[in-house]
PDB file of N, CA and C in Angstrom:
ATOM      1  N   MET A   1     102.652 106.153  90.693  1.00  0.00           N
ATOM      2  CA  MET A   1     102.588 107.247  91.642  1.00  0.00           C
ATOM      3  C   MET A   1     103.965 107.903  91.728  1.00  0.00           C
ATOM      4  N   THR A   2     103.992 109.229  91.691  1.00  0.00           N
ATOM      5  CA  THR A   2     105.234 109.974  91.810  1.00  0.00           C
ATOM      6  C   THR A   2     105.618 110.100  93.276  1.00  0.00           C
ATOM      7  N   ALA A   3     106.876 109.843  93.568  1.00  0.00           N
ATOM      8  CA  ALA A   3     107.367 109.936  94.943  1.00  0.00           C
ATOM      9  C   ALA A   3     107.377 111.387  95.400  1.00  0.00           C
ATOM     10  N   LEU A   4     107.158 111.608  96.696  1.00  0.00           N
ATOM     11  CA  LEU A   4     107.266 112.948  97.258  1.00  0.00           C
ATOM     12  C   LEU A   4     108.728 113.391  97.253  1.00  0.00           C
ATOM     13  N   LEU A   5     109.612 112.483  97.675  1.00  0.00           N
ATOM     14  CA  LEU A   5     111.054 112.756  97.675  1.00  0.00           C
ATOM     15  C   LEU A   5     111.752 111.595  96.987  1.00  0.00           C
ATOM     16  N   GLU A   6     112.538 111.922  95.979  1.00  0.00           N
ATOM     17  CA  GLU A   6     113.289 110.890  95.278  1.00  0.00           C
ATOM     18  C   GLU A   6     114.735 111.338  95.119  1.00  0.00           C
ATOM     19  N   ILE A   7     115.626 110.564  95.698  1.00  0.00           N
ATOM     20  CA  ILE A   7     117.065 110.848  95.659  1.00  0.00           C
ATOM     21  C   ILE A   7     117.718 109.726  94.865  1.00  0.00           C
ATOM     22  N   ARG A   8     118.496 110.083  93.860  1.00  0.00           N
ATOM     23  CA  ARG A   8     119.152 109.089  93.015  1.00  0.00           C
ATOM     24  C   ARG A   8     120.629 109.418  92.839  1.00  0.00           C
ATOM     25  N   GLY A   9     121.480 108.462  93.211  1.00  0.00           N
ATOM     26  CA  GLY A   9     122.917 108.576  92.973  1.00  0.00           C
ATOM     27  C   GLY A   9     123.562 109.774  93.642  1.00  0.00           C
ATOM     28  N   LEU A  10     123.025 110.200  94.788  1.00  0.00           N
ATOM     29  CA  LEU A  10     123.507 111.426  95.431  1.00  0.00           C
ATOM     30  C   LEU A  10     124.908 111.241  95.989  1.00  0.00           C
ATOM     31  N   ARG A  11     125.753 112.209  95.656  1.00  0.00           N
ATOM     32  CA  ARG A  11     127.131 112.228  96.145  1.00  0.00           C
ATOM     33  C   ARG A  11     127.390 113.569  96.804  1.00  0.00           C
ATOM     34  N   GLY A  12     128.222 113.558  97.835  1.00  0.00           N
ATOM     35  CA  GLY A  12     128.580 114.801  98.497  1.00  0.00           C
ATOM     36  C   GLY A  12     129.548 114.558  99.627  1.00  0.00           C
ATOM     37  N   GLY A  13     130.090 115.637 100.165  1.00  0.00           N
ATOM     38  CA  GLY A  13     131.034 115.505 101.254  1.00  0.00           C
ATOM     39  C   GLY A  13     131.602 116.846 101.655  1.00  0.00           C
ATOM     40  N   TYR A  14     132.784 116.797 102.224  1.00  0.00           N
ATOM     41  CA  TYR A  14     133.453 117.987 102.759  1.00  0.00           C
ATOM     42  C   TYR A  14     134.873 118.024 102.232  1.00  0.00           C
ATOM     43  N   GLY A  15     135.290 119.172 101.698  1.00  0.00           N
ATOM     44  CA  GLY A  15     136.652 119.259 101.157  1.00  0.00           C
ATOM     45  C   GLY A  15     136.827 118.220 100.071  1.00  0.00           C
ATOM     46  N   GLN A  16     137.787 117.322 100.269  1.00  0.00           N
ATOM     47  CA  GLN A  16     138.005 116.245  99.307  1.00  0.00           C
ATOM     48  C   GLN A  16     137.531 114.901  99.832  1.00  0.00           C
ATOM     49  N   VAL A  17     136.829 114.905 100.976  1.00  0.00           N
ATOM     50  CA  VAL A  17     136.345 113.658 101.573  1.00  0.00           C
ATOM     51  C   VAL A  17     134.912 113.384 101.104  1.00  0.00           C
ATOM     52  N   GLU A  18     134.757 112.344 100.312  1.00  0.00           N
ATOM     53  CA  GLU A  18     133.428 111.963  99.840  1.00  0.00           C
ATOM     54  C   GLU A  18     132.729 111.145 100.928  1.00  0.00           C
ATOM     55  N   VAL A  19     131.605 111.649 101.398  1.00  0.00           N
ATOM     56  CA  VAL A  19     130.838 110.994 102.455  1.00  0.00           C
ATOM     57  C   VAL A  19     129.667 110.218 101.864  1.00  0.00           C
ATOM     58  N   LEU A  20     128.984 110.833 100.909  1.00  0.00           N
ATOM     59  CA  LEU A  20     127.840 110.192 100.260  1.00  0.00           C
ATOM     60  C   LEU A  20     128.297 109.635  98.924  1.00  0.00           C
ATOM     61  N   ARG A  21     128.098 108.354  98.730  1.00  0.00           N
ATOM     62  CA  ARG A  21     128.578 107.691  97.514  1.00  0.00           C
ATOM     63  C   ARG A  21     127.422 107.003  96.797  1.00  0.00           C
ATOM     64  N   GLY A  22     126.645 107.771  96.078  1.00  0.00           N
ATOM     65  CA  GLY A  22     125.574 107.176  95.283  1.00  0.00           C
ATOM     66  C   GLY A  22     124.351 106.784  96.092  1.00  0.00           C
ATOM     67  N   VAL A  23     123.874 107.665  96.954  1.00  0.00           N
ATOM     68  CA  VAL A  23     122.719 107.375  97.810  1.00  0.00           C
ATOM     69  C   VAL A  23     121.434 107.412  96.998  1.00  0.00           C
ATOM     70  N   ASP A  24     120.614 106.380  97.159  1.00  0.00           N
ATOM     71  CA  ASP A  24     119.286 106.308  96.567  1.00  0.00           C
ATOM     72  C   ASP A  24     118.272 106.213  97.695  1.00  0.00           C
ATOM     73  N   LEU A  25     117.203 106.993  97.604  1.00  0.00           N
ATOM     74  CA  LEU A  25     116.158 106.978  98.627  1.00  0.00           C
ATOM     75  C   LEU A  25     114.869 107.469  97.989  1.00  0.00           C
ATOM     76  N   THR A  26     113.777 106.779  98.270  1.00  0.00           N
ATOM     77  CA  THR A  26     112.463 107.195  97.793  1.00  0.00           C
ATOM     78  C   THR A  26     111.517 107.256  98.977  1.00  0.00           C
ATOM     79  N   VAL A  27     110.792 108.373  99.087  1.00  0.00           N
ATOM     80  CA  VAL A  27     109.796 108.546 100.138  1.00  0.00           C
ATOM     81  C   VAL A  27     108.481 108.919  99.464  1.00  0.00           C
ATOM     82  N   GLN A  28     107.458 108.115  99.704  1.00  0.00           N
ATOM     83  CA  GLN A  28     106.133 108.389  99.152  1.00  0.00           C
ATOM     84  C   GLN A  28     105.383 109.347 100.071  1.00  0.00           C
ATOM     85  N   ALA A  29     104.409 110.056  99.537  1.00  0.00           N
ATOM     86  CA  ALA A  29     103.569 110.946 100.342  1.00  0.00           C
ATOM     87  C   ALA A  29     102.906 110.139 101.451  1.00  0.00           C
ATOM     88  N   GLY A  30     102.920 110.679 102.672  1.00  0.00           N
ATOM     89  CA  GLY A  30     102.304 110.017 103.814  1.00  0.00           C
ATOM     90  C   GLY A  30     103.167 108.968 104.485  1.00  0.00           C
ATOM     91  N   GLU A  31     104.309 108.697 103.920  1.00  0.00           N
ATOM     92  CA  GLU A  31     105.215 107.680 104.457  1.00  0.00           C
ATOM     93  C   GLU A  31     106.164 108.313 105.468  1.00  0.00           C
ATOM     94  N   THR A  32     106.506 107.569 106.499  1.00  0.00           N
ATOM     95  CA  THR A  32     107.487 108.008 107.484  1.00  0.00           C
ATOM     96  C   THR A  32     108.746 107.170 107.305  1.00  0.00           C
ATOM     97  N   VAL A  33     109.870 107.845 107.170  1.00  0.00           N
ATOM     98  CA  VAL A  33     111.140 107.154 106.946  1.00  0.00           C
ATOM     99  C   VAL A  33     112.144 107.641 107.977  1.00  0.00           C
ATOM    100  N   ALA A  34     112.911 106.743 108.538  1.00  0.00           N
ATOM    101  CA  ALA A  34     113.957 107.095 109.496  1.00  0.00           C
ATOM    102  C   ALA A  34     115.311 106.673 108.937  1.00  0.00           C
ATOM    103  N   LEU A  35     116.296 107.537 109.105  1.00  0.00           N
ATOM    104  CA  LEU A  35     117.669 107.200 108.739  1.00  0.00           C
ATOM    105  C   LEU A  35     118.392 106.779 110.002  1.00  0.00           C
ATOM    106  N   LEU A  36     118.940 105.595 109.983  1.00  0.00           N
ATOM    107  CA  LEU A  36     119.666 105.074 111.143  1.00  0.00           C
ATOM    108  C   LEU A  36     121.111 104.823 110.750  1.00  0.00           C
ATOM    109  N   GLY A  37     122.001 105.064 111.691  1.00  0.00           N
ATOM    110  CA  GLY A  37     123.405 104.786 111.435  1.00  0.00           C
ATOM    111  C   GLY A  37     124.258 105.337 112.556  1.00  0.00           C
ATOM    112  N   SER A  38     125.447 104.828 112.630  1.00  0.00           N
ATOM    113  CA  SER A  38     126.358 105.268 113.682  1.00  0.00           C
ATOM    114  C   SER A  38     126.860 106.681 113.393  1.00  0.00           C
ATOM    115  N   ASN A  39     127.527 107.262 114.379  1.00  0.00           N
ATOM    116  CA  ASN A  39     128.143 108.570 114.188  1.00  0.00           C
ATOM    117  C   ASN A  39     129.093 108.505 112.997  1.00  0.00           C
ATOM    118  N   GLY A  40     129.026 109.520 112.151  1.00  0.00           N
ATOM    119  CA  GLY A  40     129.919 109.570 111.004  1.00  0.00           C
ATOM    120  C   GLY A  40     129.452 108.772 109.807  1.00  0.00           C
ATOM    121  N   ALA A  41     128.234 108.220 109.859  1.00  0.00           N
ATOM    122  CA  ALA A  41     127.741 107.401 108.754  1.00  0.00           C
ATOM    123  C   ALA A  41     127.233 108.238 107.579  1.00  0.00           C
ATOM    124  N   GLY A  42     126.956 109.532 107.813  1.00  0.00           N
ATOM    125  CA  GLY A  42     126.522 110.389 106.726  1.00  0.00           C
ATOM    126  C   GLY A  42     125.086 110.861 106.800  1.00  0.00           C
ATOM    127  N   LYS A  43     124.397 110.612 107.916  1.00  0.00           N
ATOM    128  CA  LYS A  43     122.986 111.022 108.049  1.00  0.00           C
ATOM    129  C   LYS A  43     122.835 112.537 107.949  1.00  0.00           C
ATOM    130  N   SER A  44     123.602 113.271 108.718  1.00  0.00           N
ATOM    131  CA  SER A  44     123.517 114.734 108.692  1.00  0.00           C
ATOM    132  C   SER A  44     123.993 115.284 107.358  1.00  0.00           C
ATOM    133  N   THR A  45     125.013 114.686 106.794  1.00  0.00           N
ATOM    134  CA  THR A  45     125.499 115.122 105.483  1.00  0.00           C
ATOM    135  C   THR A  45     124.412 114.935 104.438  1.00  0.00           C
ATOM    136  N   LEU A  46     123.713 113.816 104.480  1.00  0.00           N
ATOM    137  CA  LEU A  46     122.613 113.585 103.545  1.00  0.00           C
ATOM    138  C   LEU A  46     121.547 114.664 103.699  1.00  0.00           C
ATOM    139  N   ASN A  47     121.130 114.934 104.926  1.00  0.00           N
ATOM    140  CA  ASN A  47     120.134 115.977 105.162  1.00  0.00           C
ATOM    141  C   ASN A  47     120.604 117.324 104.625  1.00  0.00           C
ATOM    142  N   ASN A  48     121.846 117.663 104.907  1.00  0.00           N
ATOM    143  CA  ASN A  48     122.380 118.964 104.507  1.00  0.00           C
ATOM    144  C   ASN A  48     122.529 119.106 102.994  1.00  0.00           C
ATOM    145  N   VAL A  49     122.879 118.028 102.316  1.00  0.00           N
ATOM    146  CA  VAL A  49     122.994 118.071 100.854  1.00  0.00           C
ATOM    147  C   VAL A  49     121.595 118.122 100.229  1.00  0.00           C
ATOM    148  N   VAL A  50     120.673 117.328 100.728  1.00  0.00           N
ATOM    149  CA  VAL A  50     119.306 117.332 100.198  1.00  0.00           C
ATOM    150  C   VAL A  50     118.673 118.717 100.361  1.00  0.00           C
ATOM    151  N   CYS A  51     118.931 119.367 101.483  1.00  0.00           N
ATOM    152  CA  CYS A  51     118.334 120.683 101.761  1.00  0.00           C
ATOM    153  C   CYS A  51     119.106 121.846 101.155  1.00  0.00           C
ATOM    154  N   GLY A  52     120.187 121.559 100.431  1.00  0.00           N
ATOM    155  CA  GLY A  52     120.923 122.611  99.751  1.00  0.00           C
ATOM    156  C   GLY A  52     121.890 123.383 100.618  1.00  0.00           C
ATOM    157  N   ILE A  53     122.105 122.931 101.836  1.00  0.00           N
ATOM    158  CA  ILE A  53     123.054 123.607 102.723  1.00  0.00           C
ATOM    159  C   ILE A  53     124.479 123.344 102.247  1.00  0.00           C
ATOM    160  N   TYR A  54     124.739 122.105 101.820  1.00  0.00           N
ATOM    161  CA  TYR A  54     126.007 121.754 101.183  1.00  0.00           C
ATOM    162  C   TYR A  54     125.701 121.368  99.743  1.00  0.00           C
ATOM    163  N   PRO A  55     126.573 121.687  98.806  1.00  0.00           N
ATOM    164  CA  PRO A  55     126.294 121.349  97.406  1.00  0.00           C
ATOM    165  C   PRO A  55     126.432 119.848  97.146  1.00  0.00           C
ATOM    166  N   ALA A  56     125.571 119.354  96.291  1.00  0.00           N
ATOM    167  CA  ALA A  56     125.689 117.958  95.844  1.00  0.00           C
ATOM    168  C   ALA A  56     126.835 117.869  94.849  1.00  0.00           C
ATOM    169  N   TRP A  57     127.597 116.806  94.947  1.00  0.00           N
ATOM    170  CA  TRP A  57     128.680 116.580  93.989  1.00  0.00           C
ATOM    171  C   TRP A  57     128.175 115.852  92.751  1.00  0.00           C
ATOM    172  N   GLY A  58     127.044 115.213  92.896  1.00  0.00           N
ATOM    173  CA  GLY A  58     126.456 114.472  91.780  1.00  0.00           C
ATOM    174  C   GLY A  58     125.135 113.879  92.222  1.00  0.00           C
ATOM    175  N   GLY A  59     124.385 113.370  91.270  1.00  0.00           N
ATOM    176  CA  GLY A  59     123.102 112.769  91.571  1.00  0.00           C
ATOM    177  C   GLY A  59     121.975 113.785  91.513  1.00  0.00           C
ATOM    178  N   THR A  60     120.777 113.319  91.849  1.00  0.00           N
ATOM    179  CA  THR A  60     119.599 114.182  91.759  1.00  0.00           C
ATOM    180  C   THR A  60     118.758 114.114  93.021  1.00  0.00           C
ATOM    181  N   VAL A  61     118.066 115.238  93.281  1.00  0.00           N
ATOM    182  CA  VAL A  61     117.096 115.335  94.366  1.00  0.00           C
ATOM    183  C   VAL A  61     115.823 115.908  93.763  1.00  0.00           C
ATOM    184  N   GLN A  62     114.760 115.143  93.812  1.00  0.00           N
ATOM    185  CA  GLN A  62     113.454 115.587  93.334  1.00  0.00           C
ATOM    186  C   GLN A  62     112.522 115.652  94.535  1.00  0.00           C
ATOM    187  N   PHE A  63     111.847 116.778  94.716  1.00  0.00           N
ATOM    188  CA  PHE A  63     110.878 116.920  95.795  1.00  0.00           C
ATOM    189  C   PHE A  63     109.559 117.405  95.218  1.00  0.00           C
ATOM    190  N   ASP A  64     108.530 116.622  95.400  1.00  0.00           N
ATOM    191  CA  ASP A  64     107.187 116.964  94.925  1.00  0.00           C
ATOM    192  C   ASP A  64     107.212 117.304  93.435  1.00  0.00           C
ATOM    193  N   GLY A  65     107.980 116.512  92.683  1.00  0.00           N
ATOM    194  CA  GLY A  65     108.065 116.692  91.242  1.00  0.00           C
ATOM    195  C   GLY A  65     109.007 117.780  90.764  1.00  0.00           C
ATOM    196  N   ARG A  66     109.669 118.451  91.686  1.00  0.00           N
ATOM    197  CA  ARG A  66     110.559 119.558  91.332  1.00  0.00           C
ATOM    198  C   ARG A  66     112.020 119.151  91.534  1.00  0.00           C
ATOM    199  N   ASP A  67     112.852 119.461  90.566  1.00  0.00           N
ATOM    200  CA  ASP A  67     114.279 119.138  90.667  1.00  0.00           C
ATOM    201  C   ASP A  67     114.967 120.171  91.550  1.00  0.00           C
ATOM    202  N   LEU A  68     115.474 119.720  92.680  1.00  0.00           N
ATOM    203  CA  LEU A  68     116.187 120.595  93.619  1.00  0.00           C
ATOM    204  C   LEU A  68     117.669 120.235  93.703  1.00  0.00           C
ATOM    205  N   SER A  69     118.146 119.476  92.750  1.00  0.00           N
ATOM    206  CA  SER A  69     119.512 118.944  92.802  1.00  0.00           C
ATOM    207  C   SER A  69     120.575 120.012  92.988  1.00  0.00           C
ATOM    208  N   ARG A  70     120.419 121.155  92.343  1.00  0.00           N
ATOM    209  CA  ARG A  70     121.423 122.222  92.431  1.00  0.00           C
ATOM    210  C   ARG A  70     120.828 123.513  92.999  1.00  0.00           C
ATOM    211  N   ALA A  71     119.680 123.388  93.650  1.00  0.00           N
ATOM    212  CA  ALA A  71     118.979 124.571  94.143  1.00  0.00           C
ATOM    213  C   ALA A  71     119.647 125.147  95.383  1.00  0.00           C
ATOM    214  N   HIS A  72     119.573 126.463  95.504  1.00  0.00           N
ATOM    215  CA  HIS A  72     120.031 127.163  96.695  1.00  0.00           C
ATOM    216  C   HIS A  72     119.092 126.794  97.841  1.00  0.00           C
ATOM    217  N   TYR A  73     119.589 126.783  99.063  1.00  0.00           N
ATOM    218  CA  TYR A  73     118.749 126.368 100.188  1.00  0.00           C
ATOM    219  C   TYR A  73     117.490 127.208 100.326  1.00  0.00           C
ATOM    220  N   ARG A  74     117.530 128.453  99.917  1.00  0.00           N
ATOM    221  CA  ARG A  74     116.310 129.286  99.984  1.00  0.00           C
ATOM    222  C   ARG A  74     115.229 128.746  99.063  1.00  0.00           C
ATOM    223  N   GLU A  75     115.633 128.274  97.899  1.00  0.00           N
ATOM    224  CA  GLU A  75     114.675 127.681  96.960  1.00  0.00           C
ATOM    225  C   GLU A  75     114.145 126.355  97.495  1.00  0.00           C
ATOM    226  N   VAL A  76     114.994 125.605  98.169  1.00  0.00           N
ATOM    227  CA  VAL A  76     114.569 124.335  98.762  1.00  0.00           C
ATOM    228  C   VAL A  76     113.489 124.592  99.811  1.00  0.00           C
ATOM    229  N   VAL A  77     113.689 125.591 100.655  1.00  0.00           N
ATOM    230  CA  VAL A  77     112.699 125.945 101.680  1.00  0.00           C
ATOM    231  C   VAL A  77     111.399 126.399 101.024  1.00  0.00           C
ATOM    232  N   LYS A  78     111.499 127.226  99.990  1.00  0.00           N
ATOM    233  CA  LYS A  78     110.293 127.691  99.290  1.00  0.00           C
ATOM    234  C   LYS A  78     109.519 126.530  98.685  1.00  0.00           C
ATOM    235  N   ALA A  79     110.227 125.487  98.279  1.00  0.00           N
ATOM    236  CA  ALA A  79     109.572 124.304  97.713  1.00  0.00           C
ATOM    237  C   ALA A  79     108.866 123.484  98.790  1.00  0.00           C
ATOM    238  N   GLY A  80     109.205 123.740 100.070  1.00  0.00           N
ATOM    239  CA  GLY A  80     108.537 123.040 101.166  1.00  0.00           C
ATOM    240  C   GLY A  80     109.356 121.961 101.837  1.00  0.00           C
ATOM    241  N   LEU A  81     110.617 121.859 101.499  1.00  0.00           N
ATOM    242  CA  LEU A  81     111.496 120.860 102.111  1.00  0.00           C
ATOM    243  C   LEU A  81     112.350 121.555 103.160  1.00  0.00           C
ATOM    244  N   ILE A  82     112.186 121.169 104.418  1.00  0.00           N
ATOM    245  CA  ILE A  82     112.882 121.851 105.510  1.00  0.00           C
ATOM    246  C   ILE A  82     113.521 120.844 106.450  1.00  0.00           C
ATOM    247  N   GLN A  83     114.382 121.357 107.303  1.00  0.00           N
ATOM    248  CA  GLN A  83     114.943 120.571 108.399  1.00  0.00           C
ATOM    249  C   GLN A  83     114.363 121.098 109.701  1.00  0.00           C
ATOM    250  N   VAL A  84     114.140 120.199 110.625  1.00  0.00           N
ATOM    251  CA  VAL A  84     113.721 120.581 111.969  1.00  0.00           C
ATOM    252  C   VAL A  84     114.930 120.371 112.865  1.00  0.00           C
ATOM    253  N   PRO A  85     115.356 121.402 113.596  1.00  0.00           N
ATOM    254  CA  PRO A  85     116.544 121.237 114.430  1.00  0.00           C
ATOM    255  C   PRO A  85     116.338 120.167 115.495  1.00  0.00           C
ATOM    256  N   GLU A  86     117.404 119.431 115.773  1.00  0.00           N
ATOM    257  CA  GLU A  86     117.313 118.391 116.794  1.00  0.00           C
ATOM    258  C   GLU A  86     117.562 118.982 118.173  1.00  0.00           C
ATOM    259  N   GLY A  87     117.033 118.312 119.165  1.00  0.00           N
ATOM    260  CA  GLY A  87     117.275 118.716 120.541  1.00  0.00           C
ATOM    261  C   GLY A  87     116.858 120.143 120.806  1.00  0.00           C
ATOM    262  N   ARG A  88     117.744 120.895 121.370  1.00  0.00           N
ATOM    263  CA  ARG A  88     117.446 122.273 121.755  1.00  0.00           C
ATOM    264  C   ARG A  88     118.055 123.294 120.800  1.00  0.00           C
ATOM    265  N   LYS A  89     118.277 122.896 119.562  1.00  0.00           N
ATOM    266  CA  LYS A  89     118.892 123.803 118.591  1.00  0.00           C
ATOM    267  C   LYS A  89     117.845 124.735 117.976  1.00  0.00           C
ATOM    268  N   VAL A  90     117.168 125.464 118.820  1.00  0.00           N
ATOM    269  CA  VAL A  90     116.248 126.499 118.370  1.00  0.00           C
ATOM    270  C   VAL A  90     116.923 127.834 118.651  1.00  0.00           C
ATOM    271  N   PHE A  91     116.224 128.916 118.440  1.00  0.00           N
ATOM    272  CA  PHE A  91     116.794 130.228 118.675  1.00  0.00           C
ATOM    273  C   PHE A  91     116.483 130.650 120.110  1.00  0.00           C
ATOM    274  N   PRO A  92     117.461 130.564 121.011  1.00  0.00           N
ATOM    275  CA  PRO A  92     117.192 130.799 122.432  1.00  0.00           C
ATOM    276  C   PRO A  92     116.806 132.234 122.767  1.00  0.00           C
ATOM    277  N   ASN A  93     117.144 133.176 121.907  1.00  0.00           N
ATOM    278  CA  ASN A  93     116.794 134.566 122.176  1.00  0.00           C
ATOM    279  C   ASN A  93     115.370 134.898 121.723  1.00  0.00           C
ATOM    280  N   LEU A  94     114.677 133.935 121.111  1.00  0.00           N
ATOM    281  CA  LEU A  94     113.297 134.124 120.680  1.00  0.00           C
ATOM    282  C   LEU A  94     112.352 133.384 121.616  1.00  0.00           C
ATOM    283  N   THR A  95     111.115 133.838 121.667  1.00  0.00           N
ATOM    284  CA  THR A  95     110.101 133.145 122.467  1.00  0.00           C
ATOM    285  C   THR A  95     109.705 131.848 121.759  1.00  0.00           C
ATOM    286  N   VAL A  96     108.959 131.005 122.462  1.00  0.00           N
ATOM    287  CA  VAL A  96     108.454 129.768 121.853  1.00  0.00           C
ATOM    288  C   VAL A  96     107.607 130.122 120.631  1.00  0.00           C
ATOM    289  N   LEU A  97     106.738 131.107 120.788  1.00  0.00           N
ATOM    290  CA  LEU A  97     105.877 131.510 119.677  1.00  0.00           C
ATOM    291  C   LEU A  97     106.701 132.008 118.490  1.00  0.00           C
ATOM    292  N   GLU A  98     107.702 132.810 118.736  1.00  0.00           N
ATOM    293  CA  GLU A  98     108.539 133.329 117.648  1.00  0.00           C
ATOM    294  C   GLU A  98     109.279 132.186 116.939  1.00  0.00           C
ATOM    295  N   ASN A  99     109.756 131.202 117.697  1.00  0.00           N
ATOM    296  CA  ASN A  99     110.405 130.043 117.075  1.00  0.00           C
ATOM    297  C   ASN A  99     109.422 129.302 116.182  1.00  0.00           C
ATOM    298  N   LEU A 100     108.189 129.114 116.648  1.00  0.00           N
ATOM    299  CA  LEU A 100     107.182 128.424 115.841  1.00  0.00           C
ATOM    300  C   LEU A 100     106.821 129.224 114.596  1.00  0.00           C
ATOM    301  N   GLU A 101     106.725 130.533 114.730  1.00  0.00           N
ATOM    302  CA  GLU A 101     106.374 131.380 113.587  1.00  0.00           C
ATOM    303  C   GLU A 101     107.441 131.348 112.494  1.00  0.00           C
ATOM    304  N   LEU A 102     108.675 131.069 112.857  1.00  0.00           N
ATOM    305  CA  LEU A 102     109.729 130.967 111.847  1.00  0.00           C
ATOM    306  C   LEU A 102     109.412 129.881 110.830  1.00  0.00           C
ATOM    307  N   GLY A 103     108.685 128.855 111.264  1.00  0.00           N
ATOM    308  CA  GLY A 103     108.317 127.768 110.360  1.00  0.00           C
ATOM    309  C   GLY A 103     107.377 128.205 109.248  1.00  0.00           C
ATOM    310  N   SER A 104     106.721 129.333 109.412  1.00  0.00           N
ATOM    311  CA  SER A 104     105.819 129.817 108.370  1.00  0.00           C
ATOM    312  C   SER A 104     106.321 131.122 107.764  1.00  0.00           C
ATOM    313  N   PHE A 105     107.579 131.382 107.917  1.00  0.00           N
ATOM    314  CA  PHE A 105     108.136 132.647 107.439  1.00  0.00           C
ATOM    315  C   PHE A 105     108.008 132.809 105.929  1.00  0.00           C
ATOM    316  N   THR A 106     108.340 131.758 105.172  1.00  0.00           N
ATOM    317  CA  THR A 106     108.278 131.870 103.714  1.00  0.00           C
ATOM    318  C   THR A 106     107.047 131.202 103.124  1.00  0.00           C
ATOM    319  N   ARG A 107     106.331 130.420 103.916  1.00  0.00           N
ATOM    320  CA  ARG A 107     105.155 129.711 103.421  1.00  0.00           C
ATOM    321  C   ARG A 107     104.027 129.821 104.435  1.00  0.00           C
ATOM    322  N   ALA A 108     102.840 129.764 103.965  1.00  0.00           N
ATOM    323  CA  ALA A 108     101.643 129.609 104.798  1.00  0.00           C
ATOM    324  C   ALA A 108     101.383 130.760 105.756  1.00  0.00           C
ATOM    325  N   ARG A 109     101.827 131.954 105.415  1.00  0.00           N
ATOM    326  CA  ARG A 109     101.556 133.095 106.302  1.00  0.00           C
ATOM    327  C   ARG A 109     100.059 133.296 106.512  1.00  0.00           C
ATOM    328  N   GLU A 110      99.292 133.095 105.448  1.00  0.00           N
ATOM    329  CA  GLU A 110      97.854 133.311 105.557  1.00  0.00           C
ATOM    330  C   GLU A 110      97.176 132.255 106.432  1.00  0.00           C
ATOM    331  N   ARG A 111      97.828 131.128 106.635  1.00  0.00           N
ATOM    332  CA  ARG A 111      97.265 130.058 107.480  1.00  0.00           C
ATOM    333  C   ARG A 111      97.981 129.951 108.828  1.00  0.00           C
ATOM    334  N   ARG A 112      98.795 130.947 109.158  1.00  0.00           N
ATOM    335  CA  ARG A 112      99.622 130.886 110.358  1.00  0.00           C
ATOM    336  C   ARG A 112      98.800 130.623 111.625  1.00  0.00           C
ATOM    337  N   ALA A 113      97.745 131.382 111.851  1.00  0.00           N
ATOM    338  CA  ALA A 113      96.951 131.233 113.081  1.00  0.00           C
ATOM    339  C   ALA A 113      96.331 129.838 113.169  1.00  0.00           C
ATOM    340  N   ALA A 114      95.768 129.353 112.061  1.00  0.00           N
ATOM    341  CA  ALA A 114      95.158 128.013 112.056  1.00  0.00           C
ATOM    342  C   ALA A 114      96.218 126.934 112.280  1.00  0.00           C
ATOM    343  N   ASN A 115      97.384 127.108 111.664  1.00  0.00           N
ATOM    344  CA  ASN A 115      98.455 126.127 111.845  1.00  0.00           C
ATOM    345  C   ASN A 115      98.964 126.123 113.286  1.00  0.00           C
ATOM    346  N   LEU A 116      99.085 127.297 113.885  1.00  0.00           N
ATOM    347  CA  LEU A 116      99.505 127.359 115.285  1.00  0.00           C
ATOM    348  C   LEU A 116      98.475 126.683 116.191  1.00  0.00           C
ATOM    349  N   ASP A 117      97.190 126.870 115.904  1.00  0.00           N
ATOM    350  CA  ASP A 117      96.154 126.188 116.680  1.00  0.00           C
ATOM    351  C   ASP A 117      96.316 124.672 116.602  1.00  0.00           C
ATOM    352  N   LYS A 118      96.642 124.156 115.410  1.00  0.00           N
ATOM    353  CA  LYS A 118      96.875 122.712 115.241  1.00  0.00           C
ATOM    354  C   LYS A 118      98.075 122.253 116.076  1.00  0.00           C
ATOM    355  N   VAL A 119      99.151 123.031 116.018  1.00  0.00           N
ATOM    356  CA  VAL A 119     100.356 122.681 116.780  1.00  0.00           C
ATOM    357  C   VAL A 119     100.044 122.655 118.274  1.00  0.00           C
ATOM    358  N   PHE A 120      99.330 123.670 118.742  1.00  0.00           N
ATOM    359  CA  PHE A 120      99.003 123.745 120.170  1.00  0.00           C
ATOM    360  C   PHE A 120      98.047 122.633 120.589  1.00  0.00           C
ATOM    361  N   ALA A 121      97.207 122.168 119.673  1.00  0.00           N
ATOM    362  CA  ALA A 121      96.318 121.044 119.983  1.00  0.00           C
ATOM    363  C   ALA A 121      97.118 119.749 120.143  1.00  0.00           C
ATOM    364  N   ILE A 122      98.152 119.599 119.318  1.00  0.00           N
ATOM    365  CA  ILE A 122      98.997 118.398 119.394  1.00  0.00           C
ATOM    366  C   ILE A 122      99.967 118.484 120.572  1.00  0.00           C
ATOM    367  N   PHE A 123     100.505 119.690 120.808  1.00  0.00           N
ATOM    368  CA  PHE A 123     101.489 119.910 121.858  1.00  0.00           C
ATOM    369  C   PHE A 123     101.007 121.025 122.802  1.00  0.00           C
ATOM    370  N   PRO A 124     100.025 120.729 123.660  1.00  0.00           N
ATOM    371  CA  PRO A 124      99.451 121.784 124.506  1.00  0.00           C
ATOM    372  C   PRO A 124     100.467 122.449 125.425  1.00  0.00           C
ATOM    373  N   ARG A 125     101.525 121.766 125.778  1.00  0.00           N
ATOM    374  CA  ARG A 125     102.547 122.350 126.653  1.00  0.00           C
ATOM    375  C   ARG A 125     103.219 123.566 126.001  1.00  0.00           C
ATOM    376  N   LEU A 126     103.322 123.547 124.668  1.00  0.00           N
ATOM    377  CA  LEU A 126     103.917 124.697 123.969  1.00  0.00           C
ATOM    378  C   LEU A 126     103.089 125.958 124.174  1.00  0.00           C
ATOM    379  N   LYS A 127     101.770 125.807 124.165  1.00  0.00           N
ATOM    380  CA  LYS A 127     100.917 126.976 124.329  1.00  0.00           C
ATOM    381  C   LYS A 127     101.118 127.611 125.709  1.00  0.00           C
ATOM    382  N   GLU A 128     101.355 126.766 126.706  1.00  0.00           N
ATOM    383  CA  GLU A 128     101.600 127.276 128.052  1.00  0.00           C
ATOM    384  C   GLU A 128     102.887 128.107 128.113  1.00  0.00           C
ATOM    385  N   ARG A 129     103.818 127.762 127.277  1.00  0.00           N
ATOM    386  CA  ARG A 129     105.139 128.407 127.326  1.00  0.00           C
ATOM    387  C   ARG A 129     105.220 129.592 126.412  1.00  0.00           C
TER     388      ARG A 129
END
């Protein structure tokens, strides 16, 4: 079985400081994986390098069979690999609905209404807001 996300030997960091030193991670379809670690352990750096926000210094990132190792973040999003902001890091000048619609900006426009119905069924409080 091909992994949904496969990271091999990933390296990256900031300036001349190497934060990621040969990270390997495999996530199968339907699997839930959590990254745990103290502040400064490299969790956010890993997310940012995998999503193309920061360039990888080495190693590979494969998502759904596609090599995203050197892809621009726009290509990563088009491939379906995204980050969800933590806490309240949404766009405060947008409505709840507008923030949710951003998730389908480059993908699934034709299924937007059905997807929003699913979200509202799972999180009914969002529909109220």
